[in-house]
Structures are given as structure tokens and as C-alpha cells.
Protein backbone atom coordinates (compact mmCIF):
# COMPACT_ATOMS: atom_id res chain seq x y z
CA MET A 1 -31.58 -67.82 -22.59
CA THR A 2 -30.03 -71.22 -22.07
CA THR A 3 -32.16 -74.35 -21.77
CA ASP A 4 -29.62 -76.05 -19.49
CA ILE A 5 -31.42 -76.38 -16.14
CA ASN A 6 -28.07 -76.55 -14.35
CA CYS A 7 -27.60 -72.84 -15.07
CA TYR A 8 -30.60 -72.06 -12.84
CA ILE A 9 -29.85 -74.25 -9.81
CA ARG A 10 -28.33 -72.82 -6.63
CA ARG A 11 -26.56 -75.77 -5.00
CA ASN A 12 -26.47 -75.94 -1.21
CA GLN A 13 -22.72 -76.55 -1.07
CA ALA A 14 -22.16 -73.38 -3.14
CA ALA A 15 -24.05 -71.22 -0.64
CA ALA A 16 -22.27 -69.57 2.28
CA TRP A 17 -23.91 -67.31 4.85
CA GLN A 18 -22.69 -63.72 4.59
CA PRO A 19 -23.29 -60.88 7.09
CA LEU A 20 -26.26 -58.75 6.04
CA ILE A 21 -24.86 -55.38 5.03
CA GLU A 22 -27.12 -52.94 3.19
CA LYS A 23 -26.00 -49.46 2.14
CA GLY A 24 -23.03 -49.74 4.49
CA ILE A 25 -25.14 -50.77 7.51
CA HIS A 26 -24.22 -54.10 9.15
CA TYR A 27 -27.25 -55.75 10.74
CA THR A 28 -25.74 -57.61 13.68
CA GLY A 29 -26.93 -61.19 14.05
CA ILE A 30 -28.47 -61.40 10.57
CA SER A 31 -26.87 -63.37 7.72
CA VAL A 32 -27.94 -63.75 4.11
CA ILE A 33 -27.62 -66.13 1.18
CA SER A 34 -28.63 -64.80 -2.23
CA LEU A 35 -30.65 -67.35 -4.17
CA LYS A 36 -31.66 -65.25 -7.18
CA TYR A 37 -29.80 -62.16 -8.33
CA ASP A 38 -31.61 -59.86 -10.77
CA GLU A 39 -29.04 -58.33 -13.12
CA ALA A 40 -31.44 -55.63 -14.33
CA LYS A 41 -32.18 -54.46 -10.76
CA GLN A 42 -28.60 -55.08 -9.54
CA ARG A 43 -29.91 -56.78 -6.39
CA SER A 44 -31.06 -60.09 -5.02
CA THR A 45 -34.81 -60.67 -5.23
CA THR A 46 -34.91 -64.09 -3.54
CA ILE A 47 -32.86 -64.62 -0.40
CA LEU A 48 -32.47 -66.69 2.73
CA LEU A 49 -32.09 -64.73 5.96
CA LYS A 50 -30.79 -66.24 9.17
CA PHE A 51 -31.54 -64.39 12.41
CA GLU A 52 -29.53 -65.28 15.50
CA PRO A 53 -31.52 -65.24 18.77
CA GLY A 54 -32.36 -61.63 19.64
CA ALA A 55 -31.52 -60.20 16.19
CA ALA A 56 -33.73 -57.48 14.73
CA TYR A 57 -34.25 -55.79 11.36
CA PRO A 58 -35.63 -52.22 11.67
CA TYR A 59 -39.01 -50.86 10.69
CA HIS A 60 -39.17 -50.65 6.90
CA ASN A 61 -41.44 -50.37 3.86
CA HIS A 62 -41.88 -52.84 1.01
CA PRO A 63 -42.67 -50.79 -2.13
CA GLY A 64 -43.14 -54.03 -4.11
CA GLY A 65 -44.59 -56.19 -1.32
CA GLU A 66 -42.84 -59.36 -0.17
CA GLU A 67 -43.28 -63.04 0.54
CA ILE A 68 -41.85 -64.80 3.61
CA TYR A 69 -41.72 -68.51 4.36
CA VAL A 70 -40.38 -69.66 7.74
CA ILE A 71 -38.01 -72.59 7.23
CA LYS A 72 -36.83 -72.89 10.83
CA GLY A 73 -37.51 -71.17 14.16
CA GLU A 74 -39.78 -68.20 14.81
CA ALA A 75 -39.93 -64.61 13.57
CA ILE A 76 -42.01 -61.76 14.97
CA LEU A 77 -43.58 -59.19 12.64
CA GLU A 78 -45.99 -56.56 14.00
CA ASN A 79 -46.37 -58.52 17.27
CA VAL A 80 -47.40 -61.67 15.39
CA THR A 81 -45.20 -64.76 15.66
CA LEU A 82 -44.58 -66.76 12.49
CA SER A 83 -43.43 -70.33 13.10
CA GLU A 84 -41.83 -73.04 11.01
CA GLY A 85 -43.94 -73.66 7.91
CA ASP A 86 -45.84 -70.35 8.10
CA TYR A 87 -46.11 -68.19 4.98
CA LEU A 88 -46.77 -64.45 4.84
CA TYR A 89 -47.54 -62.31 1.82
CA THR A 90 -47.34 -58.58 2.47
CA PRO A 91 -48.92 -56.22 -0.06
CA VAL A 92 -47.27 -53.26 -1.76
CA ASN A 93 -46.15 -50.58 0.74
CA PHE A 94 -46.59 -52.81 3.79
CA LYS A 95 -44.47 -51.62 6.72
CA HIS A 96 -43.07 -53.69 9.59
CA SER A 97 -39.98 -54.73 11.52
CA VAL A 98 -38.67 -58.27 12.05
CA THR A 99 -37.25 -59.76 15.23
CA SER A 100 -36.50 -63.26 16.43
CA GLU A 101 -36.17 -64.23 20.07
CA THR A 102 -35.22 -67.84 19.26
CA GLY A 103 -33.43 -67.42 15.94
CA CYS A 104 -34.83 -68.42 12.55
CA ILE A 105 -34.19 -69.03 8.88
CA LEU A 106 -36.55 -67.31 6.46
CA LEU A 107 -37.05 -67.48 2.70
CA PHE A 108 -37.79 -64.01 1.30
CA VAL A 109 -39.03 -62.97 -2.14
CA ILE A 110 -38.59 -59.20 -2.39
CA PRO A 111 -39.43 -57.76 -5.83
CA GLU A 112 -38.29 -54.22 -4.92
CA GLU A 113 -35.64 -52.92 -2.53
CA VAL A 114 -36.87 -52.16 0.99
CA GLU A 115 -36.92 -48.64 2.39
CA ILE A 116 -35.70 -48.28 5.98
CA LEU A 117 -37.99 -45.86 7.84
């Protein structure tokens, strides 16, 4: 492990929004930036998601739980609206979908890969 802090910084100018594609499925209107990639798991565990107005992510399970922080806009999970500055922790095996009528940017910490239901 290096002690150079620069090795652990994700600079804004180095980040570009990419279409969210998981297991060959393109989620229209949702873009992602990987902030932390876990080499052992071969997946990102901390991400930014940007939802365009009207975008939706299907009903799914979180085997390892998740954390969501709303940076901008509003997101709807289980008929509850999360607004800018809101934080949600979901426990292991929590199931929900995500939609945004207005568009939003969300910070996600996802220890385990989601399971689409």
C-alpha cells in the first residue's frame, strides 16, 4: 500500500459520465461515474449516478445493503421522495426501485452487487 494520498484521489476533471450498462442491459437516462473500484470484487463499490428526468432503475435487492446521499434533485424510492441533502441507509436484502421525475445526482455506496428482481 502506498502512502501517497494522490493515489487515492478521484479528481473531478478525470471523471466522465458513462451510460449505465449492467450485464448487457442499458438503463436509458441513467449515467454513472465510478469513484472507487474494488479489484477483489471486480466492480465499483462507490459510484455517482445521474438520473435524467423520468429515468427509472428497476426493482432490485441489495444483498449487502447500500447507502445513498442525494447531491442534487430528487429521487423516489418506495413512494418516498429523497431530496438534496437527504441520506438513506438500506439494510442487507432491502428491495426497492428508483425513479426520478425531476432528475438527480446520487452518491451510492454498494458493498455487494445488486440483484435485479
